[in-house]
PDB file of N, CA and C in Angstrom:
ATOM      1  N   MET A   1      -3.905  13.017   2.483  1.00  0.00           N
ATOM      2  CA  MET A   1      -2.844  12.264   1.834  1.00  0.00           C
ATOM      3  C   MET A   1      -2.155  11.332   2.835  1.00  0.00           C
ATOM      4  N   LYS A   2      -1.946  11.826   4.059  1.00  0.00           N
ATOM      5  CA  LYS A   2      -1.252  11.009   5.057  1.00  0.00           C
ATOM      6  C   LYS A   2      -2.034   9.727   5.349  1.00  0.00           C
ATOM      7  N   LYS A   3      -3.378   9.832   5.390  1.00  0.00           N
ATOM      8  CA  LYS A   3      -4.199   8.648   5.644  1.00  0.00           C
ATOM      9  C   LYS A   3      -4.082   7.648   4.489  1.00  0.00           C
ATOM     10  N   ASP A   4      -4.094   8.151   3.257  1.00  0.00           N
ATOM     11  CA  ASP A   4      -3.935   7.267   2.091  1.00  0.00           C
ATOM     12  C   ASP A   4      -2.616   6.502   2.166  1.00  0.00           C
ATOM     13  N   ILE A   5      -1.559   7.210   2.516  1.00  0.00           N
ATOM     14  CA  ILE A   5      -0.238   6.583   2.599  1.00  0.00           C
ATOM     15  C   ILE A   5      -0.188   5.586   3.743  1.00  0.00           C
ATOM     16  N   SER A   6      -0.816   5.914   4.858  1.00  0.00           N
ATOM     17  CA  SER A   6      -0.855   4.998   5.997  1.00  0.00           C
ATOM     18  C   SER A   6      -1.566   3.694   5.629  1.00  0.00           C
ATOM     19  N   ILE A   7      -2.692   3.810   4.928  1.00  0.00           N
ATOM     20  CA  ILE A   7      -3.434   2.621   4.491  1.00  0.00           C
ATOM     21  C   ILE A   7      -2.598   1.820   3.499  1.00  0.00           C
ATOM     22  N   LEU A   8      -1.965   2.502   2.586  1.00  0.00           N
ATOM     23  CA  LEU A   8      -1.110   1.847   1.593  1.00  0.00           C
ATOM     24  C   LEU A   8       0.002   1.049   2.274  1.00  0.00           C
ATOM     25  N   ILE A   9       0.649   1.652   3.255  1.00  0.00           N
ATOM     26  CA  ILE A   9       1.719   0.970   3.987  1.00  0.00           C
ATOM     27  C   ILE A   9       1.159  -0.215   4.769  1.00  0.00           C
ATOM     28  N   ASP A  10      -0.027  -0.055   5.364  1.00  0.00           N
ATOM     29  CA  ASP A  10      -0.661  -1.180   6.062  1.00  0.00           C
ATOM     30  C   ASP A  10      -0.866  -2.356   5.113  1.00  0.00           C
ATOM     31  N   PHE A  11      -1.347  -2.079   3.906  1.00  0.00           N
ATOM     32  CA  PHE A  11      -1.588  -3.134   2.926  1.00  0.00           C
ATOM     33  C   PHE A  11      -0.283  -3.825   2.531  1.00  0.00           C
ATOM     34  N   ILE A  12       0.736  -3.047   2.247  1.00  0.00           N
ATOM     35  CA  ILE A  12       2.022  -3.625   1.848  1.00  0.00           C
ATOM     36  C   ILE A  12       2.620  -4.422   3.003  1.00  0.00           C
ATOM     37  N   HIS A  13       2.482  -3.920   4.220  1.00  0.00           N
ATOM     38  CA  HIS A  13       3.019  -4.615   5.399  1.00  0.00           C
ATOM     39  C   HIS A  13       2.359  -5.980   5.588  1.00  0.00           C
ATOM     40  N   VAL A  14       1.034  -6.037   5.492  1.00  0.00           N
ATOM     41  CA  VAL A  14       0.315  -7.311   5.647  1.00  0.00           C
ATOM     42  C   VAL A  14       0.746  -8.296   4.566  1.00  0.00           C
ATOM     43  N   TYR A  15       0.833  -7.824   3.343  1.00  0.00           N
ATOM     44  CA  TYR A  15       1.244  -8.687   2.235  1.00  0.00           C
ATOM     45  C   TYR A  15       2.646  -9.233   2.471  1.00  0.00           C
ATOM     46  N   CYS A  16       3.567  -8.359   2.829  1.00  0.00           N
ATOM     47  CA  CYS A  16       4.964  -8.756   3.040  1.00  0.00           C
ATOM     48  C   CYS A  16       5.080  -9.737   4.207  1.00  0.00           C
ATOM     49  N   LYS A  17       4.388  -9.431   5.297  1.00  0.00           N
ATOM     50  CA  LYS A  17       4.446 -10.272   6.495  1.00  0.00           C
ATOM     51  C   LYS A  17       3.974 -11.698   6.205  1.00  0.00           C
ATOM     52  N   ASN A  18       2.958 -11.836   5.363  1.00  0.00           N
ATOM     53  CA  ASN A  18       2.372 -13.149   5.100  1.00  0.00           C
ATOM     54  C   ASN A  18       2.911 -13.849   3.857  1.00  0.00           C
ATOM     55  N   GLU A  19       3.275 -13.102   2.847  1.00  0.00           N
ATOM     56  CA  GLU A  19       3.736 -13.703   1.596  1.00  0.00           C
ATOM     57  C   GLU A  19       5.256 -13.799   1.496  1.00  0.00           C
ATOM     58  N   HIS A  20       5.963 -12.985   2.245  1.00  0.00           N
ATOM     59  CA  HIS A  20       7.429 -12.997   2.229  1.00  0.00           C
ATOM     60  C   HIS A  20       7.953 -13.285   3.630  1.00  0.00           C
ATOM     61  N   CYS A  21       7.307 -14.227   4.306  1.00  0.00           N
ATOM     62  CA  CYS A  21       7.624 -14.480   5.723  1.00  0.00           C
ATOM     63  C   CYS A  21       9.046 -15.006   5.935  1.00  0.00           C
ATOM     64  N   GLN A  22       9.648 -15.609   4.945  1.00  0.00           N
ATOM     65  CA  GLN A  22      11.005 -16.151   5.094  1.00  0.00           C
ATOM     66  C   GLN A  22      12.097 -15.159   4.682  1.00  0.00           C
ATOM     67  N   THR A  23      11.686 -14.004   4.187  1.00  0.00           N
ATOM     68  CA  THR A  23      12.640 -13.017   3.684  1.00  0.00           C
ATOM     69  C   THR A  23      13.074 -12.072   4.800  1.00  0.00           C
ATOM     70  N   GLU A  24      14.350 -11.713   4.794  1.00  0.00           N
ATOM     71  CA  GLU A  24      14.866 -10.766   5.792  1.00  0.00           C
ATOM     72  C   GLU A  24      14.179  -9.412   5.623  1.00  0.00           C
ATOM     73  N   LYS A  25      13.802  -8.830   6.750  1.00  0.00           N
ATOM     74  CA  LYS A  25      13.090  -7.557   6.730  1.00  0.00           C
ATOM     75  C   LYS A  25      13.855  -6.502   7.506  1.00  0.00           C
ATOM     76  N   HIS A  26      13.591  -5.254   7.147  1.00  0.00           N
ATOM     77  CA  HIS A  26      14.231  -4.122   7.819  1.00  0.00           C
ATOM     78  C   HIS A  26      13.158  -3.118   8.212  1.00  0.00           C
ATOM     79  N   LEU A  27      13.351  -2.488   9.346  1.00  0.00           N
ATOM     80  CA  LEU A  27      12.441  -1.460   9.825  1.00  0.00           C
ATOM     81  C   LEU A  27      12.485  -0.272   8.870  1.00  0.00           C
ATOM     82  N   ILE A  28      11.316   0.203   8.483  1.00  0.00           N
ATOM     83  CA  ILE A  28      11.278   1.365   7.599  1.00  0.00           C
ATOM     84  C   ILE A  28      10.684   2.553   8.340  1.00  0.00           C
ATOM     85  N   SER A  29      11.033   3.732   7.890  1.00  0.00           N
ATOM     86  CA  SER A  29      10.444   4.937   8.466  1.00  0.00           C
ATOM     87  C   SER A  29      10.279   5.972   7.367  1.00  0.00           C
ATOM     88  N   ASN A  30       9.293   6.812   7.551  1.00  0.00           N
ATOM     89  CA  ASN A  30       8.988   7.864   6.601  1.00  0.00           C
ATOM     90  C   ASN A  30       8.146   8.876   7.354  1.00  0.00           C
ATOM     91  N   SER A  31       8.214  10.112   6.979  1.00  0.00           N
ATOM     92  CA  SER A  31       7.454  11.138   7.697  1.00  0.00           C
ATOM     93  C   SER A  31       5.948  10.925   7.578  1.00  0.00           C
ATOM     94  N   TYR A  32       5.505  10.104   6.624  1.00  0.00           N
ATOM     95  CA  TYR A  32       4.086   9.818   6.463  1.00  0.00           C
ATOM     96  C   TYR A  32       3.639   8.584   7.238  1.00  0.00           C
ATOM     97  N   ILE A  33       4.579   7.864   7.838  1.00  0.00           N
ATOM     98  CA  ILE A  33       4.254   6.651   8.588  1.00  0.00           C
ATOM     99  C   ILE A  33       4.201   6.990  10.066  1.00  0.00           C
ATOM    100  N   ASP A  34       3.135   6.584  10.720  1.00  0.00           N
ATOM    101  CA  ASP A  34       2.963   6.817  12.152  1.00  0.00           C
ATOM    102  C   ASP A  34       4.145   6.212  12.903  1.00  0.00           C
ATOM    103  N   VAL A  35       4.813   7.020  13.715  1.00  0.00           N
ATOM    104  CA  VAL A  35       6.011   6.543  14.418  1.00  0.00           C
ATOM    105  C   VAL A  35       5.685   5.462  15.444  1.00  0.00           C
ATOM    106  N   LYS A  36       4.423   5.357  15.859  1.00  0.00           N
ATOM    107  CA  LYS A  36       4.030   4.314  16.811  1.00  0.00           C
ATOM    108  C   LYS A  36       4.017   2.936  16.152  1.00  0.00           C
ATOM    109  N   LYS A  37       3.847   2.924  14.841  1.00  0.00           N
ATOM    110  CA  LYS A  37       3.826   1.657  14.113  1.00  0.00           C
ATOM    111  C   LYS A  37       5.252   1.230  13.811  1.00  0.00           C
ATOM    112  N   LYS A  38       5.544  -0.003  14.070  1.00  0.00           N
ATOM    113  CA  LYS A  38       6.843  -0.579  13.719  1.00  0.00           C
ATOM    114  C   LYS A  38       6.620  -1.415  12.461  1.00  0.00           C
ATOM    115  N   ILE A  39       7.013  -0.879  11.334  1.00  0.00           N
ATOM    116  CA  ILE A  39       6.793  -1.533  10.047  1.00  0.00           C
ATOM    117  C   ILE A  39       8.117  -2.073   9.522  1.00  0.00           C
ATOM    118  N   SER A  40       8.162  -3.378   9.300  1.00  0.00           N
ATOM    119  CA  SER A  40       9.338  -4.018   8.714  1.00  0.00           C
ATOM    120  C   SER A  40       8.936  -4.634   7.381  1.00  0.00           C
ATOM    121  N   LEU A  41       9.730  -4.360   6.361  1.00  0.00           N
ATOM    122  CA  LEU A  41       9.459  -4.883   5.028  1.00  0.00           C
ATOM    123  C   LEU A  41      10.721  -5.480   4.426  1.00  0.00           C
ATOM    124  N   CYS A  42      10.516  -6.435   3.525  1.00  0.00           N
ATOM    125  CA  CYS A  42      11.648  -6.976   2.770  1.00  0.00           C
ATOM    126  C   CYS A  42      12.081  -5.939   1.732  1.00  0.00           C
ATOM    127  N   GLY A  43      13.161  -6.197   1.049  1.00  0.00           N
ATOM    128  CA  GLY A  43      13.687  -5.264   0.061  1.00  0.00           C
ATOM    129  C   GLY A  43      12.712  -4.958  -1.063  1.00  0.00           C
ATOM    130  N   ASP A  44      12.063  -5.994  -1.612  1.00  0.00           N
ATOM    131  CA  ASP A  44      11.116  -5.788  -2.709  1.00  0.00           C
ATOM    132  C   ASP A  44       9.928  -4.942  -2.273  1.00  0.00           C
ATOM    133  N   CYS A  45       9.404  -5.236  -1.094  1.00  0.00           N
ATOM    134  CA  CYS A  45       8.240  -4.492  -0.606  1.00  0.00           C
ATOM    135  C   CYS A  45       8.616  -3.070  -0.195  1.00  0.00           C
ATOM    136  N   THR A  46       9.833  -2.888   0.302  1.00  0.00           N
ATOM    137  CA  THR A  46      10.304  -1.533   0.614  1.00  0.00           C
ATOM    138  C   THR A  46      10.377  -0.709  -0.665  1.00  0.00           C
ATOM    139  N   GLU A  47      10.911  -1.306  -1.719  1.00  0.00           N
ATOM    140  CA  GLU A  47      11.001  -0.618  -3.015  1.00  0.00           C
ATOM    141  C   GLU A  47       9.607  -0.238  -3.516  1.00  0.00           C
ATOM    142  N   LEU A  48       8.656  -1.164  -3.407  1.00  0.00           N
ATOM    143  CA  LEU A  48       7.278  -0.892  -3.821  1.00  0.00           C
ATOM    144  C   LEU A  48       6.670   0.218  -2.968  1.00  0.00           C
ATOM    145  N   ALA A  49       6.905   0.179  -1.664  1.00  0.00           N
ATOM    146  CA  ALA A  49       6.355   1.198  -0.763  1.00  0.00           C
ATOM    147  C   ALA A  49       6.895   2.587  -1.097  1.00  0.00           C
ATOM    148  N   VAL A  50       8.181   2.688  -1.314  1.00  0.00           N
ATOM    149  CA  VAL A  50       8.793   3.984  -1.658  1.00  0.00           C
ATOM    150  C   VAL A  50       8.214   4.503  -2.977  1.00  0.00           C
ATOM    151  N   TYR A  51       8.105   3.614  -3.954  1.00  0.00           N
ATOM    152  CA  TYR A  51       7.543   3.987  -5.255  1.00  0.00           C
ATOM    153  C   TYR A  51       6.102   4.475  -5.095  1.00  0.00           C
ATOM    154  N   ALA A  52       5.298   3.714  -4.350  1.00  0.00           N
ATOM    155  CA  ALA A  52       3.886   4.052  -4.165  1.00  0.00           C
ATOM    156  C   ALA A  52       3.714   5.360  -3.391  1.00  0.00           C
ATOM    157  N   ILE A  53       4.526   5.565  -2.363  1.00  0.00           N
ATOM    158  CA  ILE A  53       4.459   6.816  -1.597  1.00  0.00           C
ATOM    159  C   ILE A  53       4.787   7.999  -2.504  1.00  0.00           C
ATOM    160  N   ASN A  54       5.828   7.872  -3.301  1.00  0.00           N
ATOM    161  CA  ASN A  54       6.196   8.956  -4.225  1.00  0.00           C
ATOM    162  C   ASN A  54       5.086   9.244  -5.231  1.00  0.00           C
ATOM    163  N   LYS A  55       4.451   8.199  -5.728  1.00  0.00           N
ATOM    164  CA  LYS A  55       3.354   8.390  -6.679  1.00  0.00           C
ATOM    165  C   LYS A  55       2.179   9.087  -6.006  1.00  0.00           C
ATOM    166  N   ARG A  56       1.884   8.705  -4.758  1.00  0.00           N
ATOM    167  CA  ARG A  56       0.766   9.342  -4.046  1.00  0.00           C
ATOM    168  C   ARG A  56       1.067  10.803  -3.750  1.00  0.00           C
ATOM    169  N   ILE A  57       2.273  11.096  -3.312  1.00  0.00           N
ATOM    170  CA  ILE A  57       2.653  12.476  -3.004  1.00  0.00           C
ATOM    171  C   ILE A  57       2.559  13.346  -4.257  1.00  0.00           C
ATOM    172  N   ASN A  58       2.941  12.799  -5.390  1.00  0.00           N
ATOM    173  CA  ASN A  58       2.958  13.561  -6.641  1.00  0.00           C
ATOM    174  C   ASN A  58       1.681  13.433  -7.467  1.00  0.00           C
ATOM    175  N   CYS A  59       0.647  12.827  -6.897  1.00  0.00           N
ATOM    176  CA  CYS A  59      -0.623  12.670  -7.613  1.00  0.00           C
ATOM    177  C   CYS A  59      -1.195  14.055  -7.932  1.00  0.00           C
ATOM    178  N   PRO A  60      -1.587  14.283  -9.190  1.00  0.00           N
ATOM    179  CA  PRO A  60      -2.088  15.609  -9.569  1.00  0.00           C
ATOM    180  C   PRO A  60      -3.499  15.911  -9.064  1.00  0.00           C
ATOM    181  N   PHE A  61      -4.191  14.920  -8.523  1.00  0.00           N
ATOM    182  CA  PHE A  61      -5.566  15.114  -8.081  1.00  0.00           C
ATOM    183  C   PHE A  61      -5.631  15.482  -6.605  1.00  0.00           C
ATOM    184  N   VAL A  62      -6.400  16.518  -6.290  1.00  0.00           N
ATOM    185  CA  VAL A  62      -6.595  16.918  -4.898  1.00  0.00           C
ATOM    186  C   VAL A  62      -7.378  15.825  -4.176  1.00  0.00           C
ATOM    187  N   TYR A  63      -8.474  15.393  -4.785  1.00  0.00           N
ATOM    188  CA  TYR A  63      -9.255  14.279  -4.256  1.00  0.00           C
ATOM    189  C   TYR A  63      -8.931  13.073  -5.118  1.00  0.00           C
ATOM    190  N   LYS A  64      -7.988  12.288  -4.655  1.00  0.00           N
ATOM    191  CA  LYS A  64      -7.454  11.183  -5.443  1.00  0.00           C
ATOM    192  C   LYS A  64      -8.478  10.064  -5.594  1.00  0.00           C
ATOM    193  N   PRO A  65      -8.763   9.679  -6.840  1.00  0.00           N
ATOM    194  CA  PRO A  65      -9.635   8.519  -7.042  1.00  0.00           C
ATOM    195  C   PRO A  65      -8.853   7.229  -6.789  1.00  0.00           C
ATOM    196  N   PRO A  66      -9.550   6.107  -6.583  1.00  0.00           N
ATOM    197  CA  PRO A  66      -8.823   4.837  -6.481  1.00  0.00           C
ATOM    198  C   PRO A  66      -8.030   4.607  -7.771  1.00  0.00           C
ATOM    199  N   CYS A  67      -6.840   4.074  -7.639  1.00  0.00           N
ATOM    200  CA  CYS A  67      -5.969   3.888  -8.809  1.00  0.00           C
ATOM    201  C   CYS A  67      -6.657   3.100  -9.919  1.00  0.00           C
ATOM    202  N   LYS A  68      -7.447   2.088  -9.535  1.00  0.00           N
ATOM    203  CA  LYS A  68      -8.077   1.256 -10.560  1.00  0.00           C
ATOM    204  C   LYS A  68      -9.114   2.024 -11.378  1.00  0.00           C
ATOM    205  N   LYS A  69      -9.589   3.170 -10.863  1.00  0.00           N
ATOM    206  CA  LYS A  69     -10.570   3.970 -11.588  1.00  0.00           C
ATOM    207  C   LYS A  69      -9.985   5.272 -12.133  1.00  0.00           C
ATOM    208  N   CYS A  70      -8.712   5.471 -11.943  1.00  0.00           N
ATOM    209  CA  CYS A  70      -8.068   6.723 -12.334  1.00  0.00           C
ATOM    210  C   CYS A  70      -7.852   6.779 -13.845  1.00  0.00           C
ATOM    211  N   ILE A  71      -8.055   7.963 -14.413  1.00  0.00           N
ATOM    212  CA  ILE A  71      -7.837   8.125 -15.857  1.00  0.00           C
ATOM    213  C   ILE A  71      -6.356   8.239 -16.197  1.00  0.00           C
ATOM    214  N   VAL A  72      -5.546   8.600 -15.213  1.00  0.00           N
ATOM    215  CA  VAL A  72      -4.096   8.701 -15.402  1.00  0.00           C
ATOM    216  C   VAL A  72      -3.458   7.458 -14.782  1.00  0.00           C
ATOM    217  N   GLN A  73      -2.916   6.593 -15.592  1.00  0.00           N
ATOM    218  CA  GLN A  73      -2.257   5.388 -15.081  1.00  0.00           C
ATOM    219  C   GLN A  73      -0.773   5.695 -14.911  1.00  0.00           C
ATOM    220  N   CYS A  74      -0.402   6.193 -13.727  1.00  0.00           N
ATOM    221  CA  CYS A  74       0.964   6.685 -13.516  1.00  0.00           C
ATOM    222  C   CYS A  74       1.956   5.588 -13.111  1.00  0.00           C
ATOM    223  N   TYR A  75       1.459   4.451 -12.624  1.00  0.00           N
ATOM    224  CA  TYR A  75       2.366   3.374 -12.223  1.00  0.00           C
ATOM    225  C   TYR A  75       2.956   2.696 -13.454  1.00  0.00           C
ATOM    226  N   GLU A  76       4.254   2.426 -13.414  1.00  0.00           N
ATOM    227  CA  GLU A  76       4.872   1.606 -14.455  1.00  0.00           C
ATOM    228  C   GLU A  76       4.285   0.204 -14.350  1.00  0.00           C
ATOM    229  N   GLN A  77       4.270  -0.514 -15.456  1.00  0.00           N
ATOM    230  CA  GLN A  77       3.618  -1.826 -15.525  1.00  0.00           C
ATOM    231  C   GLN A  77       4.071  -2.780 -14.420  1.00  0.00           C
ATOM    232  N   GLN A  78       5.378  -2.868 -14.173  1.00  0.00           N
ATOM    233  CA  GLN A  78       5.876  -3.818 -13.166  1.00  0.00           C
ATOM    234  C   GLN A  78       5.337  -3.487 -11.777  1.00  0.00           C
ATOM    235  N   TYR A  79       5.268  -2.208 -11.445  1.00  0.00           N
ATOM    236  CA  TYR A  79       4.756  -1.805 -10.139  1.00  0.00           C
ATOM    237  C   TYR A  79       3.236  -1.937 -10.081  1.00  0.00           C
ATOM    238  N   ARG A  80       2.564  -1.691 -11.200  1.00  0.00           N
ATOM    239  CA  ARG A  80       1.112  -1.845 -11.250  1.00  0.00           C
ATOM    240  C   ARG A  80       0.722  -3.283 -10.931  1.00  0.00           C
ATOM    241  N   GLU A  81       1.448  -4.239 -11.507  1.00  0.00           N
ATOM    242  CA  GLU A  81       1.157  -5.651 -11.242  1.00  0.00           C
ATOM    243  C   GLU A  81       1.411  -5.998  -9.776  1.00  0.00           C
ATOM    244  N   LYS A  82       2.502  -5.490  -9.224  1.00  0.00           N
ATOM    245  CA  LYS A  82       2.825  -5.769  -7.817  1.00  0.00           C
ATOM    246  C   LYS A  82       1.775  -5.183  -6.884  1.00  0.00           C
ATOM    247  N   ILE A  83       1.367  -3.935  -7.122  1.00  0.00           N
ATOM    248  CA  ILE A  83       0.421  -3.294  -6.217  1.00  0.00           C
ATOM    249  C   ILE A  83      -0.959  -3.934  -6.336  1.00  0.00           C
ATOM    250  N   LYS A  84      -1.318  -4.427  -7.519  1.00  0.00           N
ATOM    251  CA  LYS A  84      -2.585  -5.151  -7.677  1.00  0.00           C
ATOM    252  C   LYS A  84      -2.596  -6.400  -6.799  1.00  0.00           C
ATOM    253  N   LYS A  85      -1.487  -7.143  -6.813  1.00  0.00           N
ATOM    254  CA  LYS A  85      -1.372  -8.339  -5.970  1.00  0.00           C
ATOM    255  C   LYS A  85      -1.514  -7.983  -4.498  1.00  0.00           C
ATOM    256  N   VAL A  86      -0.804  -6.934  -4.094  1.00  0.00           N
ATOM    257  CA  VAL A  86      -0.833  -6.484  -2.700  1.00  0.00           C
ATOM    258  C   VAL A  86      -2.253  -6.093  -2.306  1.00  0.00           C
ATOM    259  N   MET A  87      -2.916  -5.302  -3.139  1.00  0.00           N
ATOM    260  CA  MET A  87      -4.261  -4.822  -2.823  1.00  0.00           C
ATOM    261  C   MET A  87      -5.263  -5.971  -2.752  1.00  0.00           C
ATOM    262  N   LYS A  88      -5.154  -6.903  -3.671  1.00  0.00           N
ATOM    263  CA  LYS A  88      -6.071  -8.044  -3.671  1.00  0.00           C
ATOM    264  C   LYS A  88      -5.876  -8.882  -2.408  1.00  0.00           C
ATOM    265  N   TYR A  89      -4.635  -9.240  -2.118  1.00  0.00           N
ATOM    266  CA  TYR A  89      -4.344 -10.071  -0.954  1.00  0.00           C
ATOM    267  C   TYR A  89      -4.733  -9.362   0.343  1.00  0.00           C
ATOM    268  N   SER A  90      -4.235  -8.157   0.528  1.00  0.00           N
ATOM    269  CA  SER A  90      -4.448  -7.447   1.785  1.00  0.00           C
ATOM    270  C   SER A  90      -5.890  -6.986   1.942  1.00  0.00           C
ATOM    271  N   GLY A  91      -6.538  -6.652   0.830  1.00  0.00           N
ATOM    272  CA  GLY A  91      -7.952  -6.281   0.896  1.00  0.00           C
ATOM    273  C   GLY A  91      -8.779  -7.409   1.483  1.00  0.00           C
ATOM    274  N   MET A  92      -8.559  -8.626   0.985  1.00  0.00           N
ATOM    275  CA  MET A  92      -9.281  -9.791   1.520  1.00  0.00           C
ATOM    276  C   MET A  92      -8.892 -10.057   2.973  1.00  0.00           C
ATOM    277  N   TYR A  93      -7.637  -9.884   3.284  1.00  0.00           N
ATOM    278  CA  TYR A  93      -7.144 -10.082   4.653  1.00  0.00           C
ATOM    279  C   TYR A  93      -7.892  -9.163   5.620  1.00  0.00           C
ATOM    280  N   PHE A  94      -7.974  -7.888   5.280  1.00  0.00           N
ATOM    281  CA  PHE A  94      -8.630  -6.929   6.173  1.00  0.00           C
ATOM    282  C   PHE A  94     -10.140  -7.137   6.228  1.00  0.00           C
ATOM    283  N   ILE A  95     -10.751  -7.468   5.105  1.00  0.00           N
ATOM    284  CA  ILE A  95     -12.192  -7.706   5.082  1.00  0.00           C
ATOM    285  C   ILE A  95     -12.549  -8.891   5.974  1.00  0.00           C
ATOM    286  N   LYS A  96     -11.767  -9.958   5.899  1.00  0.00           N
ATOM    287  CA  LYS A  96     -12.017 -11.141   6.733  1.00  0.00           C
ATOM    288  C   LYS A  96     -11.861 -10.840   8.216  1.00  0.00           C
ATOM    289  N   ARG A  97     -11.142  -9.778   8.528  1.00  0.00           N
ATOM    290  CA  ARG A  97     -10.924  -9.398   9.924  1.00  0.00           C
ATOM    291  C   ARG A  97     -11.803  -8.226  10.346  1.00  0.00           C
ATOM    292  N   GLY A  98     -12.827  -7.955   9.544  1.00  0.00           N
ATOM    293  CA  GLY A  98     -13.826  -6.971   9.927  1.00  0.00           C
ATOM    294  C   GLY A  98     -13.506  -5.522   9.638  1.00  0.00           C
ATOM    295  N   ARG A  99     -12.522  -5.266   8.817  1.00  0.00           N
ATOM    296  CA  ARG A  99     -12.183  -3.873   8.484  1.00  0.00           C
ATOM    297  C   ARG A  99     -13.110  -3.389   7.365  1.00  0.00           C
ATOM    298  N   ILE A 100     -14.344  -3.097   7.727  1.00  0.00           N
ATOM    299  CA  ILE A 100     -15.347  -2.663   6.765  1.00  0.00           C
ATOM    300  C   ILE A 100     -14.948  -1.335   6.115  1.00  0.00           C
ATOM    301  N   ASP A 101     -14.243  -0.490   6.860  1.00  0.00           N
ATOM    302  CA  ASP A 101     -13.798   0.788   6.289  1.00  0.00           C
ATOM    303  C   ASP A 101     -12.908   0.564   5.069  1.00  0.00           C
ATOM    304  N   TYR A 102     -12.080  -0.474   5.096  1.00  0.00           N
ATOM    305  CA  TYR A 102     -11.239  -0.781   3.939  1.00  0.00           C
ATOM    306  C   TYR A 102     -12.084  -1.338   2.792  1.00  0.00           C
ATOM    307  N   LEU A 103     -13.113  -2.116   3.124  1.00  0.00           N
ATOM    308  CA  LEU A 103     -14.008  -2.664   2.107  1.00  0.00           C
ATOM    309  C   LEU A 103     -14.713  -1.530   1.365  1.00  0.00           C
ATOM    310  N   ILE A 104     -15.214  -0.566   2.109  1.00  0.00           N
ATOM    311  CA  ILE A 104     -15.914   0.560   1.494  1.00  0.00           C
ATOM    312  C   ILE A 104     -14.972   1.329   0.583  1.00  0.00           C
ATOM    313  N   LYS A 105     -13.772   1.608   1.050  1.00  0.00           N
ATOM    314  CA  LYS A 105     -12.795   2.341   0.230  1.00  0.00           C
ATOM    315  C   LYS A 105     -12.437   1.531  -1.018  1.00  0.00           C
ATOM    316  N   TYR A 106     -12.316   0.208  -0.866  1.00  0.00           N
ATOM    317  CA  TYR A 106     -11.957  -0.659  -1.988  1.00  0.00           C
ATOM    318  C   TYR A 106     -13.049  -0.654  -3.058  1.00  0.00           C
ATOM    319  N   LEU A 107     -14.313  -0.671  -2.634  1.00  0.00           N
ATOM    320  CA  LEU A 107     -15.424  -0.745  -3.577  1.00  0.00           C
ATOM    321  C   LEU A 107     -15.699   0.583  -4.274  1.00  0.00           C
ATOM    322  N   LEU A 108     -15.289   1.681  -3.679  1.00  0.00           N
ATOM    323  CA  LEU A 108     -15.559   3.000  -4.293  1.00  0.00           C
ATOM    324  C   LEU A 108     -14.668   3.265  -5.424  1.00  0.00           C
TER     325      LEU A 108
END
């Protein structure tokens, strides 16, 4: 679970850094975020991150499927749309930079 949350935060961080570059950001921390990483997010992305972390922690599946293939659609519509944007943008960002591990996880 910690790895899933770490990847999720990485995706949100990349999206926020590039798409909300003019927005004021604040350092975030969570027991699931590696303390070596300094993650700063704007208010909207922080809200999305907290929501997504809570959903992942409370996921009823031991082996969590990718959200897009999950039979239980637990995200509220507004957050589902936001996370889709984040995943699409950041997925391409990481793939272009050689993060094949993210590509494999995305395609599964």
